[in-house]
Amino acid sequence: LVMLNLHFFDAAEVTVVSFKMGLSILAACLPIAFAGMLSAIHQGKVCAAGILMTAKRPEMAFKAGVVYAVMVEVYAVLGLLVTMFILLKGGIFPPVM
């Protein structure tokens, strides 16, 4: 979203980012940064435990392998949603004309 709104891929029109706008973008992207990092660490632990549980009790394969991993991934998705709401509704980028 940040790259698209700053016309990063458009060589003809490049948006100049001020210091204040740069700090606003950094602050807006922090929720997904922390939520994604913590979710990835804990999802690795949960998935490893799910593999061990599946080896010991095959009837628990779906619950251990998928459901618990999805429960951890929900926090990363929530962090992404918070970042998207801040970027899109926070008034960080100038209005498109």
Protein backbone atom coordinates (compact mmCIF):
# COMPACT_ATOMS: atom_id res chain seq x y z
CA LEU A 1 0.00 0.00 0.00
CA VAL A 2 2.77 2.42 0.84
CA MET A 3 4.64 1.77 -2.40
CA LEU A 4 1.49 2.09 -4.47
CA ASN A 5 0.42 5.34 -2.80
CA LEU A 6 3.90 6.82 -3.21
CA HIS A 7 3.96 5.82 -6.92
CA PHE A 8 7.08 3.74 -6.31
CA PHE A 9 6.52 1.68 -9.47
CA ASP A 10 5.70 4.67 -11.68
CA ALA A 11 8.94 6.14 -13.03
CA ALA A 12 7.24 9.26 -14.41
CA GLU A 13 5.70 10.42 -11.13
CA VAL A 14 7.62 10.04 -7.87
CA THR A 15 6.20 11.39 -4.62
CA VAL A 16 8.62 13.25 -2.37
CA VAL A 17 8.31 12.07 1.23
CA SER A 18 8.77 14.65 3.95
CA PHE A 19 10.23 13.78 7.34
CA LYS A 20 6.81 14.02 9.03
CA MET A 21 5.17 11.84 6.37
CA GLY A 22 8.00 9.30 6.66
CA LEU A 23 7.54 9.05 10.42
CA SER A 24 3.77 8.70 9.94
CA ILE A 25 4.27 5.85 7.46
CA LEU A 26 6.74 4.17 9.81
CA ALA A 27 4.31 4.45 12.73
CA ALA A 28 1.44 3.16 10.61
CA CYS A 29 3.44 0.08 9.56
CA LEU A 30 4.51 -0.87 13.10
CA PRO A 31 1.38 -2.95 13.92
CA ILE A 32 2.00 -5.45 11.10
CA ALA A 33 5.73 -5.46 11.80
CA PHE A 34 5.35 -6.52 15.42
CA ALA A 35 2.26 -8.68 14.93
CA GLY A 36 3.85 -10.47 11.98
CA MET A 37 7.13 -11.07 13.77
CA LEU A 38 5.57 -12.37 16.98
CA SER A 39 2.99 -14.41 15.07
CA ALA A 40 5.72 -16.05 12.97
CA ILE A 41 7.77 -16.99 16.03
CA HIS A 42 4.82 -18.49 17.87
CA GLN A 43 3.37 -20.11 14.76
CA GLY A 44 6.63 -21.99 14.28
CA LYS A 45 6.39 -23.31 17.82
CA VAL A 46 2.71 -24.23 17.44
CA CYS A 47 3.26 -26.00 14.12
CA ALA A 48 6.23 -27.95 15.50
CA ALA A 49 4.09 -29.05 18.45
CA GLY A 50 1.28 -29.93 16.03
CA ILE A 51 3.60 -32.18 14.04
CA LEU A 52 4.68 -33.95 17.22
CA MET A 53 1.06 -34.34 18.34
CA THR A 54 0.10 -35.73 14.93
CA ALA A 55 2.88 -38.32 15.17
CA LYS A 56 1.68 -39.44 18.59
CA ARG A 57 -2.09 -39.22 17.98
CA PRO A 58 -3.02 -39.33 14.26
CA GLU A 59 -6.71 -38.70 15.00
CA MET A 60 -5.75 -35.22 16.22
CA ALA A 61 -3.99 -34.34 12.93
CA PHE A 62 -6.48 -31.73 11.71
CA LYS A 63 -6.95 -30.06 15.07
CA ALA A 64 -3.27 -30.03 15.93
CA GLY A 65 -1.92 -29.25 12.50
CA VAL A 66 -4.36 -26.71 11.13
CA VAL A 67 -6.69 -25.21 13.72
CA TYR A 68 -4.03 -24.20 16.22
CA ALA A 69 -1.82 -22.72 13.48
CA VAL A 70 -4.75 -20.69 12.14
CA MET A 71 -5.50 -19.36 15.61
CA VAL A 72 -1.98 -17.95 15.82
CA GLU A 73 -2.11 -16.57 12.26
CA VAL A 74 -5.25 -14.57 13.10
CA TYR A 75 -3.11 -12.14 15.12
CA ALA A 76 -0.94 -11.38 12.07
CA VAL A 77 -4.07 -10.77 10.00
CA LEU A 78 -5.39 -8.41 12.68
CA GLY A 79 -2.10 -6.51 12.62
CA LEU A 80 -2.39 -6.24 8.84
CA LEU A 81 -5.94 -4.91 9.13
CA VAL A 82 -4.91 -2.30 11.69
CA THR A 83 -2.07 -1.15 9.43
CA MET A 84 -4.38 -0.99 6.42
CA PHE A 85 -6.98 1.05 8.33
CA ILE A 86 -4.32 3.49 9.53
CA LEU A 87 -2.80 3.88 6.06
CA LEU A 88 -6.08 4.18 4.18
CA LYS A 89 -8.15 6.22 6.66
CA GLY A 90 -5.45 8.01 8.62
CA GLY A 91 -4.92 10.82 6.13
CA ILE A 92 -1.23 10.07 5.71
CA PHE A 93 -1.18 10.24 1.92
CA PRO A 94 -2.32 13.27 -0.06
CA PRO A 95 -5.74 12.87 -1.72
CA VAL A 96 -5.72 11.53 -5.27
CA MET A 97 -7.17 13.94 -7.82
